[in-house]
Each structure stands twice: as C-alpha cells, then as structure tokens.
Amino acid sequence: MKIGNELPHALSPVCQTLLIPLVARARGGACFPALACHDAAAEQLLEQLDIDLRPYLKDRVTLQFILWRTRVIQATGRAFFKDHPDSQGVNLGCGLSQHFQWLDQGTNHWLDSDLPEVMALRDTCLAADVPRQHHAEVDLRTPGWWQRLGLPSGPHDKPVFVLCEGVLMYLTPAQVEAVLAEFAEQAPPGSRMVLDTMSRVGRGMARFHPTVGPTGAQFLWCPGSAQELTRPHPRLSLLNTRSVSECYGWLGSVAETWWMPVTGTPMYAMVTLGV
C-alpha cells in the first residue's frame, strides 16, 4: 500500500520528525557504510510510504548522528538483555522504528508506544506484531504513563529497559523532569533509561536544522549540565554518557574539550540513566 507524499503534512510537527530516523536507518548506510545498521524493516516501510527522500538524504550530519545513535542503542540494549534475558523493554516515542529486530533475545518482551496519531500510522504500516512484541498509545506529557502502559513497578520485579530517543528535546524542561521522575519512582531496581541529549546551545534553534526545521517542531529541552539529568529524583544515577564526537576520532575529542566550557554538555550525546 502506498501512502504517498502527503504523509508528512498529515502529522503534527513533532510527529513528522519520525521520518528522519526512518530514512537514516534505511538509506544512511550508503553514505556511512561503517555505521550502516541494515534495517530491513525501515527499507520496506519507505517503499510503502513513498515519500520524497531528497531533503533527508541531503542532511548528511543528521544521517550520521542517527546511525551512530542506533549503534549505541543496540550495544546498550544487548548488554542489558544479556544480563536480564526475561525482562521488559519499552520504546517511548517509537515512531516507525523497529529496535526489537536487534534486541529480541527469544525470551524478553518489547512494547512500542507513541502518541495516538503515530500508533494509528504504525498500525497501518506495521500491523502484524511478532510474539512478545506489543504496542500501546502513550502521551509522556500526562503523568501516570508508566502505570497506564502496565510496566513492572514492584521492588522485586525484573528491571525494565526504557528507550526514549528523539523525544525529550521536544518537551518542556518541566515535562522532562516529570518523565525522569516518574521513571525513577516507578521502575524496579536495576532498570535503565537510554535517551539522547543536545547541549543548551540548541535550545530554540530547531528552525535552523535542515530536516527538523521544516516540520515546525522546536527544541525545548537542552540540558546545560549533567546534573540536570539526575536532579529530578534521588534514585536516578548517571551511568554512562557517549558523545557523538567519537565519530570524528581524536579531532572530535579535541574540539569537544574546547566547546564544553560553553555548552556544558556534549553537543549531542546518548545517556544511560539507572535506578
């Protein structure tokens, strides 16, 4: 089924951004072979959606960042499920991503969740669930989302792997604090949350981004320090931070050393929080 080029305009501004990682994972490997993630599901979806790919493929920096981000998610998720093979994973703001194709251990469970308009599109394009993979609607702006998703919350429950990529920067700082606090309050011990962050210089600058700008979405949450990630709740701990500067070798490390006093955090990073 062909959905066509009208798709981006049928979605709200933030939801339109789901096409950016979809295109990157399907076609970005041609530009950056060393980072190719071989996402067969994304390639099949692009054929169904039949959208104009040219604006996305011109944004090579974002293509590289998303492919790098995918590698980090794969490594972090696989390490978690190696230690907790029967645990639950959840993708908050899943868009049209299919991370379970890489993180399925044969015994773990996975929940894809997003706003109703995204899940309606996902049901159209990805109607068939595989065993142990489920989906649900969620709005992280409304407190109580953890319980509404039916995620484990008891002190003796198995830990949960939470993925939240390309989502929190579109929420207000107060909303992000509430999301992090709810994760910390509800998640069983040993749970992990993997999320991406932009430095404070990106706040309010989405209009200059080649592919986010045309959607009308805006970057609202860009932390100025690592402490902002753990401040929402005493159970939160910062376990790992990986900067996209590693894509550029020693030159990236040197450049980051120079700009960190100004930015307070890496220009773009993947962060793992634990409880």
Protein backbone atom coordinates (compact mmCIF):
# COMPACT_ATOMS: atom_id res chain seq x y z
CA MET A 1 0.00 0.00 0.00
CA LYS A 2 1.34 3.41 -0.99
CA ILE A 3 0.59 6.22 1.44
CA GLY A 4 2.30 8.96 -0.54
CA ASN A 5 3.99 12.33 -0.16
CA GLU A 6 1.07 13.86 1.74
CA LEU A 7 2.07 11.88 4.84
CA PRO A 8 4.36 14.49 6.49
CA HIS A 9 1.63 17.14 6.35
CA ALA A 10 -0.91 14.77 7.88
CA LEU A 11 1.10 14.55 11.11
CA SER A 12 1.64 17.14 13.82
CA PRO A 13 5.04 18.92 13.75
CA VAL A 14 6.84 16.76 16.32
CA CYS A 15 5.35 13.55 14.90
CA GLN A 16 6.66 14.48 11.45
CA THR A 17 10.20 14.05 12.79
CA LEU A 18 9.67 10.25 12.87
CA LEU A 19 10.54 10.20 9.17
CA ILE A 20 14.08 11.45 9.84
CA PRO A 21 15.39 8.33 11.65
CA LEU A 22 13.36 6.10 9.35
CA VAL A 23 15.15 7.42 6.27
CA ALA A 24 18.52 7.44 8.04
CA ARG A 25 18.30 3.79 9.03
CA ALA A 26 17.05 2.70 5.63
CA ARG A 27 19.38 4.68 3.39
CA GLY A 28 22.06 6.33 5.54
CA GLY A 29 24.36 3.33 5.28
CA ALA A 30 25.10 4.23 1.67
CA CYS A 31 26.68 7.47 2.92
CA PHE A 32 28.30 6.00 6.03
CA PRO A 33 28.99 2.28 5.41
CA ALA A 34 30.88 1.85 8.68
CA LEU A 35 27.76 2.86 10.61
CA ALA A 36 25.19 1.01 8.48
CA CYS A 37 22.59 -0.70 10.67
CA HIS A 38 21.00 -2.82 7.90
CA ASP A 39 17.43 -2.01 8.89
CA ALA A 40 15.36 -4.11 6.52
CA ALA A 41 12.12 -3.05 8.21
CA ALA A 42 12.87 0.64 7.56
CA GLU A 43 13.57 -0.05 3.90
CA GLN A 44 10.26 -1.86 3.48
CA LEU A 45 8.41 0.98 5.20
CA LEU A 46 9.91 3.56 2.87
CA GLU A 47 8.56 1.63 -0.08
CA GLN A 48 5.08 1.74 1.46
CA LEU A 49 5.22 5.42 2.42
CA ASP A 50 6.52 6.62 -0.94
CA ILE A 51 7.81 9.96 0.36
CA ASP A 52 10.34 12.35 -1.15
CA LEU A 53 13.67 11.27 0.34
CA ARG A 54 15.86 14.02 -1.11
CA PRO A 55 15.60 16.53 1.77
CA TYR A 56 16.50 13.84 4.30
CA LEU A 57 19.43 12.43 2.35
CA LYS A 58 20.93 15.90 1.90
CA ASP A 59 21.21 16.24 5.69
CA ARG A 60 24.29 14.06 5.99
CA VAL A 61 25.19 15.22 9.51
CA THR A 62 21.85 14.01 10.86
CA LEU A 63 22.15 10.75 8.93
CA GLN A 64 25.48 10.11 10.62
CA PHE A 65 24.22 11.06 14.07
CA ILE A 66 21.22 8.73 13.85
CA LEU A 67 23.25 5.79 12.60
CA TRP A 68 25.73 6.34 15.44
CA ARG A 69 22.82 6.65 17.88
CA THR A 70 21.41 3.36 16.62
CA ARG A 71 24.72 1.62 17.24
CA VAL A 72 24.77 2.90 20.82
CA ILE A 73 21.19 1.75 21.41
CA GLN A 74 21.98 -1.69 20.01
CA ALA A 75 25.06 -2.11 22.20
CA THR A 76 23.38 -0.84 25.36
CA GLY A 77 20.20 -2.85 24.81
CA ARG A 78 22.03 -6.07 24.04
CA ALA A 79 24.18 -5.72 27.16
CA PHE A 80 21.08 -5.14 29.29
CA PHE A 81 19.15 -8.11 27.90
CA LYS A 82 22.20 -10.34 28.18
CA ASP A 83 22.06 -9.75 31.93
CA HIS A 84 18.23 -9.74 32.07
CA PRO A 85 17.05 -12.06 29.26
CA ASP A 86 13.45 -12.27 30.52
CA SER A 87 12.92 -8.57 31.14
CA GLN A 88 10.65 -5.99 29.54
CA GLY A 89 11.81 -3.33 27.09
CA VAL A 90 9.78 -0.27 26.12
CA ASN A 91 10.33 2.32 23.41
CA LEU A 92 8.74 5.63 24.44
CA GLY A 93 8.03 7.63 21.30
CA CYS A 94 8.81 4.74 18.99
CA GLY A 95 7.74 6.40 15.74
CA LEU A 96 8.23 3.83 12.99
CA SER A 97 11.36 2.28 14.47
CA GLN A 98 11.80 -1.46 14.90
CA HIS A 99 14.52 -1.89 17.53
CA PHE A 100 13.22 -5.27 18.61
CA GLN A 101 14.65 -6.75 15.43
CA TRP A 102 18.08 -6.28 17.06
CA LEU A 103 17.20 -6.71 20.74
CA ASP A 104 14.99 -9.81 20.60
CA GLN A 105 16.69 -12.42 22.78
CA GLY A 106 13.96 -15.02 22.36
CA THR A 107 12.63 -14.62 25.91
CA ASN A 108 12.35 -10.87 26.51
CA HIS A 109 9.31 -8.70 25.82
CA TRP A 110 9.06 -5.38 23.99
CA LEU A 111 6.50 -2.58 23.98
CA ASP A 112 6.39 0.12 21.28
CA SER A 113 4.48 3.22 22.33
CA ASP A 114 3.77 6.67 20.95
CA LEU A 115 1.03 9.27 20.51
CA PRO A 116 -2.30 8.04 19.06
CA GLU A 117 -1.69 9.56 15.61
CA VAL A 118 1.66 7.77 15.33
CA MET A 119 0.30 4.46 16.55
CA ALA A 120 -2.55 4.72 14.03
CA LEU A 121 0.04 5.11 11.26
CA ARG A 122 2.11 2.31 12.74
CA ASP A 123 -0.92 0.01 12.76
CA THR A 124 -1.37 0.74 9.06
CA CYS A 125 2.26 0.07 8.14
CA LEU A 126 3.28 -2.47 10.78
CA ALA A 127 0.03 -4.19 11.64
CA ALA A 128 1.47 -7.64 12.38
CA ASP A 129 3.18 -7.99 15.77
CA VAL A 130 5.75 -10.70 16.36
CA PRO A 131 5.43 -12.78 19.54
CA ARG A 132 6.40 -10.88 22.70
CA GLN A 133 6.21 -7.53 20.89
CA HIS A 134 3.25 -5.29 21.67
CA HIS A 135 2.18 -1.69 21.18
CA ALA A 136 0.23 0.97 23.08
CA GLU A 137 -0.63 4.64 22.94
CA VAL A 138 1.17 6.97 25.33
CA ASP A 139 1.49 10.70 25.97
CA LEU A 140 4.51 11.40 28.16
CA ARG A 141 3.17 14.87 28.90
CA THR A 142 0.44 13.31 31.05
CA PRO A 143 1.58 11.93 34.45
CA GLY A 144 0.83 8.29 35.16
CA TRP A 145 2.07 6.95 31.82
CA TRP A 146 4.15 4.20 33.48
CA GLN A 147 1.10 2.60 35.08
CA ARG A 148 -1.07 3.13 32.01
CA LEU A 149 1.47 1.18 29.96
CA GLY A 150 1.33 -1.63 32.51
CA LEU A 151 5.08 -1.64 33.09
CA PRO A 152 6.57 -3.52 36.07
CA SER A 153 6.95 -1.31 39.14
CA GLY A 154 7.38 -3.55 42.17
CA PRO A 155 10.66 -3.60 44.11
CA HIS A 156 11.07 -7.29 43.34
CA ASP A 157 10.04 -7.09 39.67
CA LYS A 158 12.55 -7.61 36.89
CA PRO A 159 14.27 -4.44 35.68
CA VAL A 160 12.97 -2.60 32.63
CA PHE A 161 14.93 -1.30 29.65
CA VAL A 162 13.49 2.08 28.62
CA LEU A 163 14.40 3.73 25.32
CA CYS A 164 13.49 7.36 24.67
CA GLU A 165 15.26 8.59 21.54
CA GLY A 166 14.47 11.77 19.67
CA VAL A 167 11.65 12.63 22.07
CA LEU A 168 12.62 14.58 25.17
CA MET A 169 14.12 17.58 23.37
CA TYR A 170 10.62 18.40 22.12
CA LEU A 171 9.18 18.55 25.66
CA THR A 172 9.46 21.46 28.07
CA PRO A 173 12.05 21.22 30.87
CA ALA A 174 9.26 20.73 33.42
CA GLN A 175 7.76 17.91 31.35
CA VAL A 176 11.15 16.20 31.02
CA GLU A 177 11.74 16.44 34.76
CA ALA A 178 8.35 14.80 35.31
CA VAL A 179 9.17 11.98 32.86
CA LEU A 180 12.51 11.27 34.53
CA ALA A 181 10.98 11.46 37.99
CA GLU A 182 8.21 9.02 37.04
CA PHE A 183 10.76 6.57 35.63
CA ALA A 184 12.80 6.82 38.83
CA GLU A 185 9.76 6.49 41.06
CA GLN A 186 8.16 3.54 39.25
CA ALA A 187 10.94 1.46 37.67
CA PRO A 188 12.21 -1.63 39.50
CA PRO A 189 15.80 -1.57 40.76
CA GLY A 190 18.34 -2.16 38.02
CA SER A 191 16.20 -0.56 35.32
CA ARG A 192 17.85 1.58 32.65
CA MET A 193 16.72 4.53 30.56
CA VAL A 194 18.60 5.36 27.35
CA LEU A 195 17.97 8.83 25.93
CA ASP A 196 19.62 11.43 23.75
CA THR A 197 20.54 14.98 24.72
CA MET A 198 21.52 18.16 22.92
CA SER A 199 23.60 20.91 24.50
CA ARG A 200 21.98 24.12 25.68
CA VAL A 201 23.12 25.98 22.56
CA GLY A 202 20.50 24.04 20.62
CA ARG A 203 17.54 25.35 22.63
CA GLY A 204 15.12 27.18 20.37
CA MET A 205 17.30 26.62 17.30
CA ALA A 206 15.32 23.88 15.52
CA ARG A 207 14.36 26.25 12.69
CA PHE A 208 17.99 26.11 11.51
CA HIS A 209 18.04 22.30 11.42
CA PRO A 210 17.82 21.07 7.79
CA THR A 211 15.22 18.38 8.42
CA VAL A 212 13.63 19.28 11.77
CA GLY A 213 13.16 22.94 10.83
CA PRO A 214 10.64 22.34 8.01
CA THR A 215 8.38 20.37 10.37
CA GLY A 216 7.85 23.34 12.67
CA ALA A 217 8.92 21.32 15.73
CA GLN A 218 11.10 23.09 18.29
CA PHE A 219 13.95 22.06 20.61
CA LEU A 220 12.71 22.95 24.09
CA TRP A 221 14.81 20.84 26.46
CA CYS A 222 18.58 21.02 26.09
CA PRO A 223 20.31 20.46 29.45
CA GLY A 224 23.13 22.74 30.46
CA SER A 225 24.79 20.21 32.78
CA ALA A 226 24.82 16.51 33.58
CA GLN A 227 23.27 17.29 36.97
CA GLU A 228 20.00 18.22 35.27
CA LEU A 229 19.57 14.55 34.33
CA THR A 230 19.67 13.21 37.88
CA ARG A 231 18.18 16.17 39.75
CA PRO A 232 14.51 15.14 39.24
CA HIS A 233 14.73 12.21 41.68
CA PRO A 234 17.23 10.84 44.26
CA ARG A 235 17.01 7.34 42.77
CA LEU A 236 18.44 8.50 39.45
CA SER A 237 22.09 7.91 38.63
CA LEU A 238 24.05 8.79 35.52
CA LEU A 239 25.68 5.56 34.38
CA ASN A 240 27.13 6.46 31.01
CA THR A 241 27.46 9.30 28.52
CA ARG A 242 28.66 8.82 24.96
CA SER A 243 29.30 11.83 22.78
CA VAL A 244 28.82 11.90 19.03
CA SER A 245 32.29 13.43 18.88
CA GLU A 246 33.60 9.86 18.88
CA CYS A 247 32.51 9.68 15.24
CA TYR A 248 35.33 12.10 14.43
CA GLY A 249 38.21 10.43 16.29
CA TRP A 250 40.80 12.48 18.13
CA LEU A 251 39.78 15.65 16.30
CA GLY A 252 36.29 15.30 17.76
CA SER A 253 37.69 14.84 21.25
CA VAL A 254 39.88 17.91 20.94
CA ALA A 255 37.02 20.02 19.61
CA GLU A 256 34.76 18.88 22.44
CA THR A 257 37.37 19.86 25.00
CA TRP A 258 37.22 23.39 23.63
CA TRP A 259 33.45 23.78 23.45
CA MET A 260 32.42 22.01 26.69
CA PRO A 261 33.03 25.11 28.86
CA VAL A 262 30.49 26.91 26.67
CA THR A 263 27.96 24.14 26.07
CA GLY A 264 28.10 22.44 29.49
CA THR A 265 27.35 19.08 27.90
CA PRO A 266 28.37 17.36 24.63
CA MET A 267 26.79 18.90 21.55
CA TYR A 268 24.90 15.63 21.11
CA ALA A 269 25.09 12.56 23.31
CA MET A 270 23.49 9.28 24.29
CA VAL A 271 22.95 8.95 28.03
CA THR A 272 22.14 5.92 30.17
CA LEU A 273 20.35 6.56 33.46
CA GLY A 274 19.84 3.92 36.11
CA VAL A 275 17.75 3.43 39.25
